[in-house]
Protein backbone atom coordinates (compact mmCIF):
# COMPACT_ATOMS: atom_id res chain seq x y z
CA MET A 1 19.23 -11.89 2.99
CA LEU A 2 16.47 -9.37 2.33
CA ASP A 3 15.74 -6.79 4.99
CA ARG A 4 12.14 -5.86 5.80
CA ARG A 5 12.08 -2.88 3.44
CA GLU A 6 13.41 -4.91 0.48
CA PHE A 7 10.95 -7.74 1.21
CA LEU A 8 7.93 -5.38 1.23
CA LYS A 9 9.05 -3.81 -2.04
CA LEU A 10 9.52 -7.24 -3.66
CA ALA A 11 6.12 -8.43 -2.41
CA ALA A 12 4.39 -5.35 -3.82
CA THR A 13 6.11 -5.80 -7.18
CA LEU A 14 5.16 -9.48 -7.41
CA SER A 15 1.57 -8.72 -6.39
CA THR A 16 1.27 -6.21 -9.21
CA ALA A 17 2.87 -8.55 -11.73
CA PHE A 18 0.47 -11.38 -10.95
CA GLY A 19 -2.62 -9.16 -10.84
CA ILE A 20 -3.15 -9.39 -7.09
CA THR A 21 -4.74 -6.27 -5.67
CA ASN A 22 -5.25 -4.84 -2.21
CA LEU A 23 -9.01 -5.16 -2.34
CA PRO A 24 -10.47 -5.64 1.14
CA GLU A 25 -12.53 -8.85 1.22
CA PRO A 26 -15.91 -7.10 1.72
CA VAL A 27 -15.21 -4.85 -1.27
CA SER A 28 -13.95 -7.70 -3.45
CA ALA A 29 -17.13 -9.68 -2.75
CA ALA A 30 -19.31 -6.62 -3.33
CA LEU A 31 -17.79 -5.94 -6.75
CA LYS A 32 -18.91 -9.37 -7.94
CA LYS A 33 -22.51 -8.72 -6.88
CA LEU A 34 -23.00 -5.14 -8.05
CA ASP A 35 -26.05 -4.61 -10.22
CA PRO A 36 -25.42 -1.54 -12.43
CA LYS A 37 -29.16 -0.78 -12.47
CA SER A 38 -29.24 -0.27 -8.71
CA ILE A 39 -26.13 1.85 -8.33
CA PRO A 40 -26.81 5.41 -7.12
CA LYS A 41 -25.24 8.14 -9.21
CA LEU A 42 -22.33 10.29 -8.07
CA ILE A 43 -22.39 14.07 -8.21
CA TYR A 44 -18.81 15.28 -7.79
CA LEU A 45 -18.42 18.94 -6.78
CA GLN A 46 -15.17 20.81 -6.22
CA GLY A 47 -14.41 23.70 -3.88
CA GLN A 48 -11.08 25.16 -2.80
CA SER A 49 -8.69 22.58 -4.20
CA CYS A 50 -5.90 21.99 -6.70
CA THR A 51 -7.81 19.12 -8.41
CA GLY A 52 -5.01 16.80 -7.32
CA CYS A 53 -7.43 14.25 -5.86
CA SER A 54 -9.34 14.03 -9.14
CA ILE A 55 -6.07 13.40 -10.97
CA SER A 56 -5.14 10.72 -8.46
CA LEU A 57 -8.51 8.98 -8.89
CA LEU A 58 -7.80 8.57 -12.60
CA GLN A 59 -4.74 6.47 -11.72
CA ALA A 60 -6.89 3.65 -10.31
CA GLU A 61 -6.10 0.12 -11.45
CA SER A 62 -7.84 -3.23 -10.90
CA PRO A 63 -10.52 -1.98 -11.57
CA SER A 64 -9.49 0.91 -13.80
CA ALA A 65 -10.88 4.41 -13.40
CA ALA A 66 -12.99 3.97 -16.54
CA THR A 67 -14.52 0.79 -15.11
CA MET A 68 -15.17 2.43 -11.76
CA ILE A 69 -17.05 5.40 -13.22
CA THR A 70 -19.10 3.40 -15.70
CA LYS A 71 -19.66 -0.09 -14.26
CA TYR A 72 -19.17 0.08 -10.50
CA SER A 73 -20.51 3.60 -10.07
CA GLN A 74 -22.39 6.07 -12.22
CA LEU A 75 -20.55 9.36 -12.34
CA ALA A 76 -23.29 11.77 -13.37
CA PHE A 77 -21.24 14.94 -13.08
CA HIS A 78 -17.62 15.99 -12.60
CA ALA A 79 -16.42 19.43 -13.71
CA ASP A 80 -13.19 18.04 -15.21
CA LEU A 81 -14.49 14.81 -16.71
CA SER A 82 -18.01 15.58 -17.88
CA ALA A 83 -18.57 16.57 -21.51
CA ILE A 84 -21.51 18.70 -20.45
CA SER A 85 -20.75 22.29 -19.45
CA GLY A 86 -22.24 25.75 -18.97
CA LYS A 87 -25.98 26.09 -18.52
CA LYS A 88 -26.61 22.39 -19.19
CA ALA A 89 -24.16 21.40 -16.45
CA LEU A 90 -25.87 23.67 -13.94
CA GLU A 91 -29.26 22.24 -14.90
CA LEU A 92 -27.91 18.72 -14.35
CA ILE A 93 -26.53 19.58 -10.92
CA ASP A 94 -29.80 21.27 -9.95
CA SER A 95 -31.85 18.27 -11.10
CA PHE A 96 -30.06 16.06 -8.57
CA ILE A 97 -29.80 18.54 -5.72
CA SER A 98 -33.49 19.37 -6.08
CA GLY A 99 -34.32 15.67 -5.80
CA GLN A 100 -35.81 15.32 -9.28
CA ALA A 101 -33.14 13.01 -10.73
CA GLY A 102 -33.25 10.25 -8.12
CA GLU A 103 -30.81 8.94 -5.52
CA TYR A 104 -27.24 10.11 -5.52
CA ILE A 105 -24.10 10.17 -3.41
CA LEU A 106 -22.43 13.56 -3.11
CA ALA A 107 -18.67 13.51 -3.58
CA VAL A 108 -16.86 16.65 -2.47
CA GLU A 109 -13.28 17.66 -3.24
CA GLY A 110 -11.87 20.84 -1.79
CA ALA A 111 -12.53 23.02 1.24
CA ILE A 112 -15.50 25.32 1.83
CA PRO A 113 -14.69 29.06 2.21
CA TYR A 114 -16.97 29.52 5.23
CA LYS A 115 -16.04 33.15 6.01
CA LYS A 116 -15.94 34.21 2.38
CA PRO A 117 -18.43 32.00 0.50
CA GLU A 118 -18.29 34.11 -2.65
CA ALA A 119 -14.70 32.95 -3.11
CA CYS A 120 -16.04 29.70 -4.56
CA MET A 121 -18.97 29.81 -6.97
CA ILE A 122 -20.71 27.18 -9.10
CA GLY A 123 -22.90 29.10 -11.50
CA HIS A 124 -24.84 31.81 -9.68
CA LYS A 125 -24.71 30.01 -6.32
CA THR A 126 -21.90 29.67 -3.85
CA PHE A 127 -20.34 26.28 -3.29
CA ALA A 128 -21.69 26.45 0.26
CA GLN A 129 -25.27 26.96 -0.99
CA HIS A 130 -25.04 23.88 -3.20
CA LEU A 131 -23.77 21.79 -0.30
CA GLU A 132 -26.47 23.03 2.05
CA GLU A 133 -29.22 22.26 -0.47
CA ALA A 134 -27.72 18.85 -1.29
CA SER A 135 -27.88 17.84 2.37
CA ARG A 136 -31.67 17.57 2.02
CA THR A 137 -31.68 15.14 -0.90
CA MET A 138 -28.40 13.16 -1.02
CA THR A 139 -28.06 9.61 0.25
CA ALA A 140 -24.66 10.31 1.81
CA ALA A 141 -21.60 12.47 1.30
CA VAL A 142 -18.02 11.42 0.74
CA ALA A 143 -15.37 14.03 1.52
CA ILE A 144 -12.43 13.29 -0.77
CA GLY A 145 -8.98 14.49 0.25
CA ALA A 146 -7.51 16.55 3.06
CA CYS A 147 -9.19 19.79 1.95
CA ALA A 148 -12.70 18.35 1.87
CA CYS A 149 -12.21 16.52 5.16
CA ASP A 150 -10.48 19.09 7.35
CA GLY A 151 -9.80 22.17 5.23
CA GLY A 152 -6.32 21.06 4.17
CA ILE A 153 -3.87 23.65 2.86
CA PRO A 154 -6.61 26.25 2.12
CA SER A 155 -7.44 26.27 5.85
CA ALA A 156 -3.87 26.76 7.05
CA GLU A 157 -3.41 29.19 9.90
CA GLY A 158 -3.82 32.78 8.68
CA ASN A 159 -6.00 32.02 5.64
CA LEU A 160 -8.52 34.72 4.71
CA THR A 161 -11.44 32.57 3.58
CA GLY A 162 -12.06 30.61 6.77
CA ALA A 163 -11.79 27.36 4.83
CA ILE A 164 -13.15 24.28 6.57
CA GLY A 165 -14.01 20.69 5.75
CA LEU A 166 -17.44 19.35 4.82
CA LYS A 167 -18.25 17.72 8.17
CA GLU A 168 -17.42 20.90 10.09
CA PHE A 169 -19.42 22.95 7.59
CA TYR A 170 -22.52 20.83 8.16
CA ALA A 171 -22.00 20.99 11.92
CA LYS A 172 -21.91 24.79 11.79
CA LYS A 173 -25.16 24.74 9.81
CA ASN A 174 -26.75 22.30 12.31
CA ILE A 175 -27.13 19.74 9.54
CA GLU A 176 -27.02 16.10 10.60
CA LYS A 177 -25.96 14.06 7.59
CA LEU A 178 -23.58 11.17 7.08
CA VAL A 179 -20.16 12.32 5.87
CA VAL A 180 -17.42 9.76 5.25
CA ASN A 181 -13.95 11.30 5.42
CA ILE A 182 -11.31 9.94 3.05
CA ARG A 183 -8.18 11.88 3.82
CA GLY A 184 -5.00 12.32 1.83
CA CYS A 185 -3.19 14.96 -0.22
CA SER A 186 -3.72 13.69 -2.76
CA VAL A 187 -6.06 10.84 -1.88
CA HIS A 188 -5.28 7.23 -2.83
CA PRO A 189 -7.71 6.05 -5.55
CA ASP A 190 -8.34 2.73 -3.79
CA TRP A 191 -9.52 4.49 -0.64
CA VAL A 192 -12.22 6.36 -2.56
CA TRP A 193 -13.49 3.79 -5.04
CA HIS A 194 -13.53 0.92 -2.56
CA THR A 195 -15.42 3.06 -0.04
CA ILE A 196 -18.05 4.01 -2.62
CA VAL A 197 -18.55 0.35 -3.61
CA HIS A 198 -18.90 -0.51 0.10
CA LEU A 199 -21.51 2.23 0.60
CA VAL A 200 -23.53 1.12 -2.41
CA LYS A 201 -23.54 -2.65 -1.98
CA ILE A 202 -22.83 -3.31 1.70
CA GLY A 203 -23.62 -0.10 3.49
CA LEU A 204 -21.68 2.15 5.81
CA PRO A 205 -18.20 0.74 6.58
CA ASP A 206 -16.82 0.82 10.09
CA LEU A 207 -15.45 4.28 10.72
CA THR A 208 -12.61 5.55 12.88
CA GLU A 209 -13.10 8.24 15.51
CA THR A 210 -12.35 10.85 12.85
CA GLY A 211 -14.96 9.48 10.44
CA SER A 212 -12.70 7.58 8.03
CA PRO A 213 -13.13 3.94 6.89
CA SER A 214 -11.29 1.63 9.29
CA LEU A 215 -10.42 -0.58 6.32
CA PHE A 216 -7.77 1.95 5.32
CA PHE A 217 -7.20 4.31 8.23
CA SER A 218 -6.91 2.20 11.38
CA LYS A 219 -3.17 1.40 11.26
CA ASN A 220 -0.42 3.81 12.26
CA VAL A 221 2.10 4.59 9.52
CA HIS A 222 5.01 4.80 11.98
CA GLU A 223 4.32 1.46 13.66
CA ASN A 224 4.04 -0.32 10.30
CA CYS A 225 6.94 1.46 8.62
CA PRO A 226 9.73 -0.78 7.23
CA ARG A 227 12.18 1.55 9.01
CA TYR A 228 10.52 1.15 12.39
CA HIS A 229 13.38 -1.05 13.59
CA ASP A 230 15.76 1.85 12.84
CA PHE A 231 13.65 4.09 15.06
CA GLN A 232 13.80 1.54 17.88
CA GLN A 233 17.58 1.34 17.56
CA GLU A 234 17.88 5.14 17.24
CA ILE A 235 19.39 4.97 13.78
CA PHE A 236 18.27 8.27 12.23
CA ALA A 237 18.90 9.62 8.75
CA LYS A 238 20.76 12.95 8.83
CA LYS A 239 19.84 14.03 5.30
CA LEU A 240 17.49 12.96 2.54
CA GLY A 241 18.77 9.81 0.86
CA ASP A 242 20.37 8.42 4.02
CA LYS A 243 19.40 5.04 5.40
CA GLY A 244 17.69 4.99 8.77
CA CYS A 245 14.53 6.37 10.36
CA LEU A 246 13.39 9.67 8.84
CA PHE A 247 11.80 11.06 12.01
CA LYS A 248 14.44 13.76 12.52
CA LEU A 249 13.90 14.94 8.96
CA GLY A 250 10.25 15.68 9.65
CA CYS A 251 8.50 12.33 9.22
CA LEU A 252 4.97 12.61 10.59
CA GLY A 253 4.20 8.89 10.47
CA PRO A 254 3.69 8.73 14.26
CA GLN A 255 0.63 11.04 14.04
CA THR A 256 -0.79 9.52 10.85
CA ASP A 257 -3.08 6.53 10.44
CA ALA A 258 -3.21 5.04 6.93
CA ASP A 259 -2.30 1.79 5.19
CA CYS A 260 0.35 3.34 2.92
CA PRO A 261 3.08 0.92 4.15
CA SER A 262 1.11 -2.06 2.82
CA ARG A 263 -0.92 -0.50 -0.03
CA TRP A 264 1.79 1.64 -1.65
CA TRP A 265 1.10 4.18 -4.41
CA ASN A 266 1.49 4.57 -8.18
CA SER A 267 0.03 1.14 -8.97
CA GLY A 268 1.93 -0.43 -6.09
CA GLN A 269 5.32 0.81 -7.26
CA THR A 270 6.41 3.02 -4.37
CA TRP A 271 5.39 5.26 -1.48
CA CYS A 272 6.91 8.17 0.42
CA ILE A 273 9.28 6.25 2.68
CA ASP A 274 10.41 3.95 -0.14
CA ALA A 275 11.31 7.11 -2.10
CA ASN A 276 13.44 8.28 0.86
CA ALA A 277 10.97 11.05 1.70
CA PRO A 278 9.42 11.53 5.15
CA CYS A 279 5.69 10.99 5.59
CA ILE A 280 4.13 14.48 5.55
CA GLY A 281 1.03 13.31 7.43
CA CYS A 282 -1.40 14.10 4.62
CA ALA A 283 -3.91 11.55 5.95
CA SER A 284 -3.93 13.17 9.39
CA PRO A 285 -6.65 15.64 10.48
CA LEU A 286 -3.76 17.91 11.58
CA PHE A 287 -2.28 18.17 8.09
CA ALA A 288 -1.20 21.73 7.18
CA LYS A 289 -3.10 23.29 10.08
CA LYS A 290 -0.23 25.33 11.54
CA ARG A 291 1.81 27.80 9.51
CA ASP A 292 4.99 26.84 11.40
CA LEU A 293 4.62 23.09 10.80
CA PRO A 294 7.61 22.08 8.66
CA PHE A 295 7.25 19.32 6.11
CA TYR A 296 10.95 18.68 6.67
CA ARG A 297 13.17 19.29 9.69
CA ILE A 298 16.88 20.00 9.77
CA ALA A 299 18.55 17.07 11.45
CA SER A 300 20.54 17.75 14.58
CA GLN A 301 24.29 17.64 14.10
CA GLY A 302 26.44 15.02 15.70
């Protein structure tokens, strides 16, 4: 007889094999109706980040990343993906931010160095200046990843740059503009692409209290974990690789809301708990905030 964990893994494998995806129904319907001529362009800017979210976005499947940035969205600029560079790239960015190139959605990856803006420059302007100017012309902003949403690792306690997320940055500047937070370190490609399709074709999705799409961030990782029954029975793993609940090894599932237990990662092949690793809470607003927050805990003896 299969236990819950084995059943979920088998279901995910079969879903992938038969081409079944985790598309939310509103997004699935919207994809069929998208008119490429009416899709706003995306301007993707990066601040204090490791570019991990951009790498993750390229792993999208059903639709593929290439399809998403050509058919279901129009990626006008991305520092890593665009062929254009140098002066021409700056002119392209300025044409959108100035409002001359038409409607666009601003995608932001990475934190903003609020106390030391010169730490992050795009051309002759600070990252912060670009974001402030874009607030006057963009349709909406999508903060991609933990750094863009809440500051992430760059904003950890004791940092010198005063790194913060996009929503907090706009609040400090008294700018009222829609910012959709898509957390994760790195972010799941489905969370980003499906949100953008929703924004373009349907409109603003329902958001959680922390500004993230409820489609993906309304369920608690701990309560939907395949090892939840171990937690209830107080069966705890004592070291990595052990069976049982990983809470005593640092699992932060109880403070994290995301659909990782049902969506899985790497094309539906695995996710943290399935790989015998605790959830590090990367989709939580509290991720990496405190310097003494351990990603792993030493299990108590006995």
